[in-house]
PDB file of N, CA and C in Angstrom:
ATOM      1  N   MET A   1       0.836  -1.171   0.000  1.00  0.00           N
ATOM      2  CA  MET A   1       0.000   0.002   0.000  1.00  0.00           C
ATOM      3  C   MET A   1       0.895   1.253   0.004  1.00  0.00           C
ATOM      4  N   LEU A   2       0.590   2.162  -0.881  1.00  0.00           N
ATOM      5  CA  LEU A   2       1.353   3.400  -0.970  1.00  0.00           C
ATOM      6  C   LEU A   2       0.783   4.430   0.012  1.00  0.00           C
ATOM      7  N   ASN A   3       1.679   5.059   0.752  1.00  0.00           N
ATOM      8  CA  ASN A   3       1.265   6.047   1.741  1.00  0.00           C
ATOM      9  C   ASN A   3       2.023   7.353   1.473  1.00  0.00           C
ATOM     10  N   PHE A   4       1.260   8.397   1.209  1.00  0.00           N
ATOM     11  CA  PHE A   4       1.855   9.721   0.950  1.00  0.00           C
ATOM     12  C   PHE A   4       1.296  10.779   1.897  1.00  0.00           C
ATOM     13  N   THR A   5       0.819  10.391   3.057  1.00  0.00           N
ATOM     14  CA  THR A   5       0.160  11.343   3.955  1.00  0.00           C
ATOM     15  C   THR A   5       1.098  12.486   4.390  1.00  0.00           C
ATOM     16  N   GLN A   6       2.385  12.217   4.516  1.00  0.00           N
ATOM     17  CA  GLN A   6       3.300  13.275   4.954  1.00  0.00           C
ATOM     18  C   GLN A   6       3.690  14.235   3.841  1.00  0.00           C
ATOM     19  N   ILE A   7       3.395  13.884   2.593  1.00  0.00           N
ATOM     20  CA  ILE A   7       3.710  14.776   1.469  1.00  0.00           C
ATOM     21  C   ILE A   7       2.507  14.879   0.523  1.00  0.00           C
ATOM     22  N   GLU A   8       1.307  14.768   1.032  1.00  0.00           N
ATOM     23  CA  GLU A   8       0.120  14.738   0.182  1.00  0.00           C
ATOM     24  C   GLU A   8      -0.078  16.005  -0.642  1.00  0.00           C
ATOM     25  N   GLU A   9       0.515  17.133  -0.189  1.00  0.00           N
ATOM     26  CA  GLU A   9       0.369  18.373  -0.953  1.00  0.00           C
ATOM     27  C   GLU A   9       1.224  18.367  -2.216  1.00  0.00           C
ATOM     28  N   TYR A  10       2.140  17.423  -2.368  1.00  0.00           N
ATOM     29  CA  TYR A  10       3.004  17.326  -3.539  1.00  0.00           C
ATOM     30  C   TYR A  10       2.367  16.408  -4.584  1.00  0.00           C
ATOM     31  N   LYS A  11       1.252  16.816  -5.118  1.00  0.00           N
ATOM     32  CA  LYS A  11       0.456  15.952  -6.011  1.00  0.00           C
ATOM     33  C   LYS A  11       1.245  15.473  -7.226  1.00  0.00           C
ATOM     34  N   GLU A  12       1.948  16.386  -7.885  1.00  0.00           N
ATOM     35  CA  GLU A  12       2.681  15.997  -9.100  1.00  0.00           C
ATOM     36  C   GLU A  12       3.768  14.969  -8.772  1.00  0.00           C
ATOM     37  N   PHE A  13       4.467  15.187  -7.668  1.00  0.00           N
ATOM     38  CA  PHE A  13       5.518  14.264  -7.273  1.00  0.00           C
ATOM     39  C   PHE A  13       4.951  12.894  -6.884  1.00  0.00           C
ATOM     40  N   THR A  14       3.914  12.881  -6.064  1.00  0.00           N
ATOM     41  CA  THR A  14       3.341  11.602  -5.639  1.00  0.00           C
ATOM     42  C   THR A  14       2.744  10.836  -6.814  1.00  0.00           C
ATOM     43  N   ASN A  15       2.146  11.562  -7.753  1.00  0.00           N
ATOM     44  CA  ASN A  15       1.606  10.891  -8.949  1.00  0.00           C
ATOM     45  C   ASN A  15       2.727  10.255  -9.769  1.00  0.00           C
ATOM     46  N   SER A  16       3.885  10.906  -9.833  1.00  0.00           N
ATOM     47  CA  SER A  16       4.989  10.353 -10.605  1.00  0.00           C
ATOM     48  C   SER A  16       5.482   9.040  -9.996  1.00  0.00           C
ATOM     49  N   ILE A  17       5.394   8.899  -8.694  1.00  0.00           N
ATOM     50  CA  ILE A  17       5.783   7.631  -8.050  1.00  0.00           C
ATOM     51  C   ILE A  17       4.696   6.591  -8.255  1.00  0.00           C
ATOM     52  N   ARG A  18       3.437   6.979  -8.070  1.00  0.00           N
ATOM     53  CA  ARG A  18       2.328   6.031  -8.260  1.00  0.00           C
ATOM     54  C   ARG A  18       2.331   5.412  -9.664  1.00  0.00           C
ATOM     55  N   GLU A  19       2.683   6.227 -10.651  1.00  0.00           N
ATOM     56  CA  GLU A  19       2.618   5.784 -12.039  1.00  0.00           C
ATOM     57  C   GLU A  19       3.844   5.002 -12.487  1.00  0.00           C
ATOM     58  N   ASP A  20       4.865   4.937 -11.680  1.00  0.00           N
ATOM     59  CA  ASP A  20       6.091   4.237 -12.043  1.00  0.00           C
ATOM     60  C   ASP A  20       6.206   2.945 -11.249  1.00  0.00           C
ATOM     61  N   LYS A  21       6.160   1.815 -11.951  1.00  0.00           N
ATOM     62  CA  LYS A  21       6.174   0.508 -11.300  1.00  0.00           C
ATOM     63  C   LYS A  21       7.412   0.292 -10.440  1.00  0.00           C
ATOM     64  N   LYS A  22       8.563   0.743 -10.922  1.00  0.00           N
ATOM     65  CA  LYS A  22       9.802   0.551 -10.166  1.00  0.00           C
ATOM     66  C   LYS A  22       9.850   1.443  -8.936  1.00  0.00           C
ATOM     67  N   LEU A  23       9.525   2.719  -9.106  1.00  0.00           N
ATOM     68  CA  LEU A  23       9.592   3.655  -7.995  1.00  0.00           C
ATOM     69  C   LEU A  23       8.573   3.344  -6.904  1.00  0.00           C
ATOM     70  N   SER A  24       7.438   2.790  -7.299  1.00  0.00           N
ATOM     71  CA  SER A  24       6.368   2.543  -6.322  1.00  0.00           C
ATOM     72  C   SER A  24       6.614   1.325  -5.456  1.00  0.00           C
ATOM     73  N   LYS A  25       7.685   0.588  -5.691  1.00  0.00           N
ATOM     74  CA  LYS A  25       7.960  -0.590  -4.858  1.00  0.00           C
ATOM     75  C   LYS A  25       8.759  -0.254  -3.594  1.00  0.00           C
ATOM     76  N   PHE A  26       9.283   0.967  -3.504  1.00  0.00           N
ATOM     77  CA  PHE A  26      10.163   1.345  -2.397  1.00  0.00           C
ATOM     78  C   PHE A  26       9.448   2.145  -1.312  1.00  0.00           C
ATOM     79  N   GLU A  27      10.017   2.063  -0.102  1.00  0.00           N
ATOM     80  CA  GLU A  27       9.674   3.002   0.951  1.00  0.00           C
ATOM     81  C   GLU A  27      10.790   4.032   0.980  1.00  0.00           C
ATOM     82  N   TYR A  28      10.439   5.304   1.094  1.00  0.00           N
ATOM     83  CA  TYR A  28      11.389   6.396   1.073  1.00  0.00           C
ATOM     84  C   TYR A  28      11.459   7.046   2.446  1.00  0.00           C
ATOM     85  N   ARG A  29      12.673   7.285   2.903  1.00  0.00           N
ATOM     86  CA  ARG A  29      12.910   7.983   4.165  1.00  0.00           C
ATOM     87  C   ARG A  29      13.781   9.195   3.879  1.00  0.00           C
ATOM     88  N   VAL A  30      13.241  10.361   4.175  1.00  0.00           N
ATOM     89  CA  VAL A  30      13.910  11.607   3.865  1.00  0.00           C
ATOM     90  C   VAL A  30      14.278  12.325   5.153  1.00  0.00           C
ATOM     91  N   SER A  31      15.529  12.767   5.215  1.00  0.00           N
ATOM     92  CA  SER A  31      16.011  13.581   6.333  1.00  0.00           C
ATOM     93  C   SER A  31      16.482  14.908   5.768  1.00  0.00           C
ATOM     94  N   VAL A  32      15.977  15.993   6.330  1.00  0.00           N
ATOM     95  CA  VAL A  32      16.360  17.338   5.888  1.00  0.00           C
ATOM     96  C   VAL A  32      17.224  17.966   6.989  1.00  0.00           C
ATOM     97  N   PHE A  33      18.389  18.453   6.581  1.00  0.00           N
ATOM     98  CA  PHE A  33      19.339  19.063   7.516  1.00  0.00           C
ATOM     99  C   PHE A  33      19.482  20.544   7.206  1.00  0.00           C
ATOM    100  N   ASP A  34      19.556  21.351   8.228  1.00  0.00           N
ATOM    101  CA  ASP A  34      19.775  22.776   8.066  1.00  0.00           C
ATOM    102  C   ASP A  34      21.269  23.065   8.190  1.00  0.00           C
ATOM    103  N   ASP A  35      22.045  22.338   7.405  1.00  0.00           N
ATOM    104  CA  ASP A  35      23.494  22.420   7.487  1.00  0.00           C
ATOM    105  C   ASP A  35      24.099  21.936   6.164  1.00  0.00           C
ATOM    106  N   TYR A  36      25.402  22.103   6.050  1.00  0.00           N
ATOM    107  CA  TYR A  36      26.119  21.640   4.868  1.00  0.00           C
ATOM    108  C   TYR A  36      26.565  20.205   5.081  1.00  0.00           C
ATOM    109  N   SER A  37      26.739  19.488   4.008  1.00  0.00           N
ATOM    110  CA  SER A  37      27.059  18.074   4.076  1.00  0.00           C
ATOM    111  C   SER A  37      28.427  17.778   4.657  1.00  0.00           C
ATOM    112  N   PHE A  38      29.348  18.718   4.576  1.00  0.00           N
ATOM    113  CA  PHE A  38      30.703  18.460   5.039  1.00  0.00           C
ATOM    114  C   PHE A  38      30.872  18.649   6.536  1.00  0.00           C
ATOM    115  N   PHE A  39      29.835  19.105   7.217  1.00  0.00           N
ATOM    116  CA  PHE A  39      29.901  19.188   8.678  1.00  0.00           C
ATOM    117  C   PHE A  39      29.711  17.804   9.273  1.00  0.00           C
ATOM    118  N   PRO A  40      30.195  17.601  10.467  1.00  0.00           N
ATOM    119  CA  PRO A  40      30.022  16.276  11.107  1.00  0.00           C
ATOM    120  C   PRO A  40      28.558  15.852  11.146  1.00  0.00           C
ATOM    121  N   LYS A  41      28.350  14.584  10.996  1.00  0.00           N
ATOM    122  CA  LYS A  41      26.989  14.040  10.911  1.00  0.00           C
ATOM    123  C   LYS A  41      26.341  13.861  12.285  1.00  0.00           C
ATOM    124  N   LEU A  42      26.773  14.617  13.262  1.00  0.00           N
ATOM    125  CA  LEU A  42      26.237  14.472  14.602  1.00  0.00           C
ATOM    126  C   LEU A  42      24.927  15.240  14.811  1.00  0.00           C
ATOM    127  N   ARG A  43      24.607  16.092  13.878  1.00  0.00           N
ATOM    128  CA  ARG A  43      23.398  16.890  14.013  1.00  0.00           C
ATOM    129  C   ARG A  43      22.159  16.091  13.653  1.00  0.00           C
ATOM    130  N   LYS A  44      21.082  16.423  14.324  1.00  0.00           N
ATOM    131  CA  LYS A  44      19.806  15.768  14.012  1.00  0.00           C
ATOM    132  C   LYS A  44      19.136  16.504  12.865  1.00  0.00           C
ATOM    133  N   PRO A  45      18.387  15.789  12.044  1.00  0.00           N
ATOM    134  CA  PRO A  45      17.655  16.462  10.971  1.00  0.00           C
ATOM    135  C   PRO A  45      16.590  17.412  11.533  1.00  0.00           C
ATOM    136  N   ILE A  46      16.288  18.452  10.773  1.00  0.00           N
ATOM    137  CA  ILE A  46      15.234  19.366  11.191  1.00  0.00           C
ATOM    138  C   ILE A  46      13.859  18.840  10.763  1.00  0.00           C
ATOM    139  N   LYS A  47      13.877  17.880   9.838  1.00  0.00           N
ATOM    140  CA  LYS A  47      12.621  17.300   9.364  1.00  0.00           C
ATOM    141  C   LYS A  47      12.906  15.874   8.895  1.00  0.00           C
ATOM    142  N   GLU A  48      12.013  14.966   9.221  1.00  0.00           N
ATOM    143  CA  GLU A  48      12.091  13.592   8.738  1.00  0.00           C
ATOM    144  C   GLU A  48      10.724  13.183   8.240  1.00  0.00           C
ATOM    145  N   ILE A  49      10.702  12.610   7.046  1.00  0.00           N
ATOM    146  CA  ILE A  49       9.433  12.135   6.497  1.00  0.00           C
ATOM    147  C   ILE A  49       9.623  10.756   5.896  1.00  0.00           C
ATOM    148  N   ARG A  50       8.513  10.029   5.839  1.00  0.00           N
ATOM    149  CA  ARG A  50       8.487   8.713   5.203  1.00  0.00           C
ATOM    150  C   ARG A  50       7.301   8.668   4.270  1.00  0.00           C
ATOM    151  N   PHE A  51       7.516   8.028   3.127  1.00  0.00           N
ATOM    152  CA  PHE A  51       6.397   7.858   2.185  1.00  0.00           C
ATOM    153  C   PHE A  51       6.713   6.685   1.280  1.00  0.00           C
ATOM    154  N   GLY A  52       5.735   6.294   0.518  1.00  0.00           N
ATOM    155  CA  GLY A  52       5.911   5.210  -0.450  1.00  0.00           C
ATOM    156  C   GLY A  52       5.251   3.935   0.006  1.00  0.00           C
ATOM    157  N   ASN A  53       5.839   2.830  -0.397  1.00  0.00           N
ATOM    158  CA  ASN A  53       5.263   1.500  -0.213  1.00  0.00           C
ATOM    159  C   ASN A  53       5.470   0.998   1.220  1.00  0.00           C
ATOM    160  N   GLU A  54       4.387   0.896   1.944  1.00  0.00           N
ATOM    161  CA  GLU A  54       4.484   0.399   3.330  1.00  0.00           C
ATOM    162  C   GLU A  54       4.625  -1.108   3.378  1.00  0.00           C
ATOM    163  N   ASP A  55       4.306  -1.794   2.297  1.00  0.00           N
ATOM    164  CA  ASP A  55       4.367  -3.261   2.243  1.00  0.00           C
ATOM    165  C   ASP A  55       5.624  -3.750   1.548  1.00  0.00           C
ATOM    166  N   HIS A  56       6.682  -2.989   1.616  1.00  0.00           N
ATOM    167  CA  HIS A  56       7.931  -3.295   0.910  1.00  0.00           C
ATOM    168  C   HIS A  56       8.654  -4.463   1.571  1.00  0.00           C
ATOM    169  N   ASP A  57       9.579  -5.068   0.815  1.00  0.00           N
ATOM    170  CA  ASP A  57      10.497  -6.027   1.422  1.00  0.00           C
ATOM    171  C   ASP A  57      11.430  -5.230   2.328  1.00  0.00           C
ATOM    172  N   ARG A  58      12.030  -5.889   3.286  1.00  0.00           N
ATOM    173  CA  ARG A  58      12.885  -5.194   4.249  1.00  0.00           C
ATOM    174  C   ARG A  58      13.961  -4.334   3.589  1.00  0.00           C
ATOM    175  N   GLY A  59      14.546  -4.823   2.526  1.00  0.00           N
ATOM    176  CA  GLY A  59      15.653  -4.108   1.904  1.00  0.00           C
ATOM    177  C   GLY A  59      15.231  -3.057   0.910  1.00  0.00           C
ATOM    178  N   ASP A  60      13.943  -2.965   0.596  1.00  0.00           N
ATOM    179  CA  ASP A  60      13.483  -2.031  -0.425  1.00  0.00           C
ATOM    180  C   ASP A  60      13.239  -0.635   0.171  1.00  0.00           C
ATOM    181  N   LYS A  61      14.330  -0.051   0.661  1.00  0.00           N
ATOM    182  CA  LYS A  61      14.258   1.287   1.235  1.00  0.00           C
ATOM    183  C   LYS A  61      15.206   2.208   0.476  1.00  0.00           C
ATOM    184  N   VAL A  62      14.796   3.440   0.390  1.00  0.00           N
ATOM    185  CA  VAL A  62      15.632   4.475  -0.212  1.00  0.00           C
ATOM    186  C   VAL A  62      15.784   5.584   0.810  1.00  0.00           C
ATOM    187  N   MET A  63      17.037   5.882   1.141  1.00  0.00           N
ATOM    188  CA  MET A  63      17.346   6.916   2.116  1.00  0.00           C
ATOM    189  C   MET A  63      17.770   8.187   1.363  1.00  0.00           C
ATOM    190  N   ILE A  64      17.164   9.305   1.698  1.00  0.00           N
ATOM    191  CA  ILE A  64      17.472  10.575   1.040  1.00  0.00           C
ATOM    192  C   ILE A  64      17.847  11.589   2.114  1.00  0.00           C
ATOM    193  N   ASN A  65      19.038  12.158   1.987  1.00  0.00           N
ATOM    194  CA  ASN A  65      19.486  13.212   2.894  1.00  0.00           C
ATOM    195  C   ASN A  65      19.595  14.509   2.090  1.00  0.00           C
ATOM    196  N   ILE A  66      18.922  15.542   2.592  1.00  0.00           N
ATOM    197  CA  ILE A  66      18.928  16.850   1.927  1.00  0.00           C
ATOM    198  C   ILE A  66      19.684  17.825   2.815  1.00  0.00           C
ATOM    199  N   TYR A  67      20.764  18.368   2.267  1.00  0.00           N
ATOM    200  CA  TYR A  67      21.591  19.353   2.952  1.00  0.00           C
ATOM    201  C   TYR A  67      21.480  20.685   2.220  1.00  0.00           C
ATOM    202  N   LYS A  68      22.090  21.720   2.725  1.00  0.00           N
ATOM    203  CA  LYS A  68      22.085  23.013   2.054  1.00  0.00           C
ATOM    204  C   LYS A  68      22.846  22.976   0.735  1.00  0.00           C
ATOM    205  N   ASP A  69      23.840  22.102   0.637  1.00  0.00           N
ATOM    206  CA  ASP A  69      24.710  22.087  -0.543  1.00  0.00           C
ATOM    207  C   ASP A  69      24.540  20.862  -1.441  1.00  0.00           C
ATOM    208  N   LYS A  70      23.818  19.857  -0.998  1.00  0.00           N
ATOM    209  CA  LYS A  70      23.635  18.682  -1.851  1.00  0.00           C
ATOM    210  C   LYS A  70      22.475  17.822  -1.367  1.00  0.00           C
ATOM    211  N   ILE A  71      22.071  16.940  -2.273  1.00  0.00           N
ATOM    212  CA  ILE A  71      21.068  15.921  -1.977  1.00  0.00           C
ATOM    213  C   ILE A  71      21.712  14.578  -2.245  1.00  0.00           C
ATOM    214  N   ASP A  72      21.578  13.656  -1.321  1.00  0.00           N
ATOM    215  CA  ASP A  72      22.203  12.328  -1.440  1.00  0.00           C
ATOM    216  C   ASP A  72      21.101  11.276  -1.335  1.00  0.00           C
ATOM    217  N   LEU A  73      21.004  10.451  -2.362  1.00  0.00           N
ATOM    218  CA  LEU A  73      20.031   9.354  -2.384  1.00  0.00           C
ATOM    219  C   LEU A  73      20.802   8.040  -2.353  1.00  0.00           C
ATOM    220  N   HIS A  74      20.426   7.168  -1.425  1.00  0.00           N
ATOM    221  CA  HIS A  74      21.027   5.846  -1.300  1.00  0.00           C
ATOM    222  C   HIS A  74      19.912   4.803  -1.319  1.00  0.00           C
ATOM    223  N   CYS A  75      19.851   4.065  -2.412  1.00  0.00           N
ATOM    224  CA  CYS A  75      18.890   2.967  -2.556  1.00  0.00           C
ATOM    225  C   CYS A  75      19.570   1.712  -1.993  1.00  0.00           C
ATOM    226  N   LEU A  76      19.080   1.191  -0.880  1.00  0.00           N
ATOM    227  CA  LEU A  76      19.753   0.084  -0.209  1.00  0.00           C
ATOM    228  C   LEU A  76      19.995  -1.135  -1.102  1.00  0.00           C
ATOM    229  N   PRO A  77      19.051  -1.524  -1.979  1.00  0.00           N
ATOM    230  CA  PRO A  77      19.336  -2.675  -2.855  1.00  0.00           C
ATOM    231  C   PRO A  77      20.494  -2.454  -3.831  1.00  0.00           C
ATOM    232  N   GLU A  78      20.919  -1.206  -4.017  1.00  0.00           N
ATOM    233  CA  GLU A  78      22.036  -0.915  -4.914  1.00  0.00           C
ATOM    234  C   GLU A  78      23.387  -1.012  -4.211  1.00  0.00           C
ATOM    235  N   GLY A  79      23.401  -1.394  -2.959  1.00  0.00           N
ATOM    236  CA  GLY A  79      24.660  -1.526  -2.238  1.00  0.00           C
ATOM    237  C   GLY A  79      25.247  -0.181  -1.881  1.00  0.00           C
ATOM    238  N   ALA A  80      26.516   0.009  -2.221  1.00  0.00           N
ATOM    239  CA  ALA A  80      27.232   1.241  -1.824  1.00  0.00           C
ATOM    240  C   ALA A  80      26.962   2.426  -2.753  1.00  0.00           C
ATOM    241  N   GLN A  81      26.223   2.238  -3.820  1.00  0.00           N
ATOM    242  CA  GLN A  81      25.980   3.308  -4.806  1.00  0.00           C
ATOM    243  C   GLN A  81      25.168   4.441  -4.179  1.00  0.00           C
ATOM    244  N   HIS A  82      25.646   5.667  -4.363  1.00  0.00           N
ATOM    245  CA  HIS A  82      24.925   6.874  -3.948  1.00  0.00           C
ATOM    246  C   HIS A  82      24.709   7.735  -5.174  1.00  0.00           C
ATOM    247  N   HIS A  83      23.582   8.418  -5.227  1.00  0.00           N
ATOM    248  CA  HIS A  83      23.281   9.362  -6.288  1.00  0.00           C
ATOM    249  C   HIS A  83      23.234  10.729  -5.642  1.00  0.00           C
ATOM    250  N   VAL A  84      23.997  11.680  -6.189  1.00  0.00           N
ATOM    251  CA  VAL A  84      24.149  12.979  -5.541  1.00  0.00           C
ATOM    252  C   VAL A  84      23.859  14.101  -6.531  1.00  0.00           C
ATOM    253  N   VAL A  85      23.147  15.097  -6.043  1.00  0.00           N
ATOM    254  CA  VAL A  85      22.934  16.341  -6.784  1.00  0.00           C
ATOM    255  C   VAL A  85      23.512  17.469  -5.951  1.00  0.00           C
ATOM    256  N   THR A  86      24.379  18.271  -6.564  1.00  0.00           N
ATOM    257  CA  THR A  86      24.948  19.418  -5.885  1.00  0.00           C
ATOM    258  C   THR A  86      24.002  20.598  -6.053  1.00  0.00           C
ATOM    259  N   LEU A  87      23.758  21.293  -4.960  1.00  0.00           N
ATOM    260  CA  LEU A  87      22.843  22.433  -4.974  1.00  0.00           C
ATOM    261  C   LEU A  87      23.619  23.740  -4.948  1.00  0.00           C
ATOM    262  N   ASN A  88      23.064  24.749  -5.602  1.00  0.00           N
ATOM    263  CA  ASN A  88      23.578  26.109  -5.507  1.00  0.00           C
ATOM    264  C   ASN A  88      23.054  26.633  -4.173  1.00  0.00           C
ATOM    265  N   THR A  89      23.951  26.967  -3.286  1.00  0.00           N
ATOM    266  CA  THR A  89      23.526  27.364  -1.928  1.00  0.00           C
ATOM    267  C   THR A  89      22.800  28.703  -1.910  1.00  0.00           C
ATOM    268  N   ASP A  90      22.835  29.452  -3.011  1.00  0.00           N
ATOM    269  CA  ASP A  90      22.084  30.715  -3.080  1.00  0.00           C
ATOM    270  C   ASP A  90      20.604  30.477  -3.337  1.00  0.00           C
ATOM    271  N   ASN A  91      20.270  29.305  -3.843  1.00  0.00           N
ATOM    272  CA  ASN A  91      18.889  28.984  -4.172  1.00  0.00           C
ATOM    273  C   ASN A  91      18.192  28.331  -2.991  1.00  0.00           C
ATOM    274  N   ASP A  92      16.977  28.751  -2.733  1.00  0.00           N
ATOM    275  CA  ASP A  92      16.171  28.100  -1.717  1.00  0.00           C
ATOM    276  C   ASP A  92      15.162  27.205  -2.440  1.00  0.00           C
ATOM    277  N   LYS A  93      15.492  25.959  -2.510  1.00  0.00           N
ATOM    278  CA  LYS A  93      14.616  24.986  -3.157  1.00  0.00           C
ATOM    279  C   LYS A  93      13.625  24.444  -2.153  1.00  0.00           C
ATOM    280  N   THR A  94      12.414  24.173  -2.612  1.00  0.00           N
ATOM    281  CA  THR A  94      11.432  23.548  -1.740  1.00  0.00           C
ATOM    282  C   THR A  94      11.782  22.074  -1.586  1.00  0.00           C
ATOM    283  N   LEU A  95      11.175  21.442  -0.631  1.00  0.00           N
ATOM    284  CA  LEU A  95      11.376  20.008  -0.459  1.00  0.00           C
ATOM    285  C   LEU A  95      10.945  19.264  -1.708  1.00  0.00           C
ATOM    286  N   GLU A  96       9.840  19.653  -2.294  1.00  0.00           N
ATOM    287  CA  GLU A  96       9.377  18.993  -3.510  1.00  0.00           C
ATOM    288  C   GLU A  96      10.376  19.185  -4.651  1.00  0.00           C
ATOM    289  N   ASP A  97      10.935  20.381  -4.793  1.00  0.00           N
ATOM    290  CA  ASP A  97      11.969  20.624  -5.823  1.00  0.00           C
ATOM    291  C   ASP A  97      13.143  19.673  -5.627  1.00  0.00           C
ATOM    292  N   CYS A  98      13.579  19.549  -4.371  1.00  0.00           N
ATOM    293  CA  CYS A  98      14.713  18.663  -4.070  1.00  0.00           C
ATOM    294  C   CYS A  98      14.398  17.215  -4.398  1.00  0.00           C
ATOM    295  N   LEU A  99      13.195  16.785  -4.086  1.00  0.00           N
ATOM    296  CA  LEU A  99      12.816  15.407  -4.401  1.00  0.00           C
ATOM    297  C   LEU A  99      12.799  15.164  -5.911  1.00  0.00           C
ATOM    298  N   PHE A 100      12.238  16.094  -6.661  1.00  0.00           N
ATOM    299  CA  PHE A 100      12.248  15.963  -8.128  1.00  0.00           C
ATOM    300  C   PHE A 100      13.682  15.905  -8.664  1.00  0.00           C
ATOM    301  N   LEU A 101      14.559  16.780  -8.148  1.00  0.00           N
ATOM    302  CA  LEU A 101      15.947  16.800  -8.617  1.00  0.00           C
ATOM    303  C   LEU A 101      16.659  15.476  -8.399  1.00  0.00           C
ATOM    304  N   ILE A 102      16.541  14.932  -7.209  1.00  0.00           N
ATOM    305  CA  ILE A 102      17.276  13.694  -6.919  1.00  0.00           C
ATOM    306  C   ILE A 102      16.650  12.498  -7.623  1.00  0.00           C
ATOM    307  N   PHE A 103      15.332  12.470  -7.769  1.00  0.00           N
ATOM    308  CA  PHE A 103      14.712  11.366  -8.509  1.00  0.00           C
ATOM    309  C   PHE A 103      15.079  11.422  -9.983  1.00  0.00           C
ATOM    310  N   ASP A 104      15.187  12.618 -10.554  1.00  0.00           N
ATOM    311  CA  ASP A 104      15.638  12.750 -11.944  1.00  0.00           C
ATOM    312  C   ASP A 104      17.060  12.232 -12.097  1.00  0.00           C
ATOM    313  N   GLU A 105      17.945  12.580 -11.162  1.00  0.00           N
ATOM    314  CA  GLU A 105      19.320  12.106 -11.178  1.00  0.00           C
ATOM    315  C   GLU A 105      19.365  10.580 -11.103  1.00  0.00           C
ATOM    316  N   TRP A 106      18.569  10.017 -10.226  1.00  0.00           N
ATOM    317  CA  TRP A 106      18.522   8.570 -10.021  1.00  0.00           C
ATOM    318  C   TRP A 106      18.035   7.870 -11.283  1.00  0.00           C
ATOM    319  N   LYS A 107      16.967   8.368 -11.872  1.00  0.00           N
ATOM    320  CA  LYS A 107      16.414   7.740 -13.098  1.00  0.00           C
ATOM    321  C   LYS A 107      17.385   7.905 -14.259  1.00  0.00           C
ATOM    322  N   ASN A 108      17.993   9.087 -14.401  1.00  0.00           N
ATOM    323  CA  ASN A 108      18.930   9.334 -15.506  1.00  0.00           C
ATOM    324  C   ASN A 108      20.176   8.464 -15.414  1.00  0.00           C
ATOM    325  N   TYR A 109      20.573   8.073 -14.224  1.00  0.00           N
ATOM    326  CA  TYR A 109      21.729   7.193 -14.050  1.00  0.00           C
ATOM    327  C   TYR A 109      21.542   5.898 -14.819  1.00  0.00           C
ATOM    328  N   TYR A 110      20.329   5.388 -14.839  1.00  0.00           N
ATOM    329  CA  TYR A 110      20.072   4.119 -15.514  1.00  0.00           C
ATOM    330  C   TYR A 110      19.807   4.294 -17.012  1.00  0.00           C
ATOM    331  N   LEU A 111      19.648   5.529 -17.467  1.00  0.00           N
ATOM    332  CA  LEU A 111      19.436   5.778 -18.889  1.00  0.00           C
ATOM    333  C   LEU A 111      20.747   6.049 -19.617  1.00  0.00           C
ATOM    334  N   LYS A 112      21.828   6.227 -18.864  1.00  0.00           N
ATOM    335  CA  LYS A 112      23.136   6.531 -19.462  1.00  0.00           C
ATOM    336  C   LYS A 112      23.692   5.345 -20.205  1.00  0.00           C
TER     337      LYS A 112
END
């Protein structure tokens, strides 16, 4: 069962996951940090959300960390592979913008 209650206002984004057979099989865990990625990882996120497939296999999780300077996506079934988008720190992107950016990077990786 797909659950988007924590991001239900992002209709375009949630529809893109619902309509994609591969993307809809994962549970997504997003941590948003009010800091740069190169600082020690001892800080707690300012926001944590979960969405996607609640009936996933244990390993079908995607971890997304959003920092001021980059977005890092780690799909656990891919092992050590990380997908990263560097952000212009002058731009204030919304959470939805960041999710679209990293999902585009992730999908484009497999189209190369």
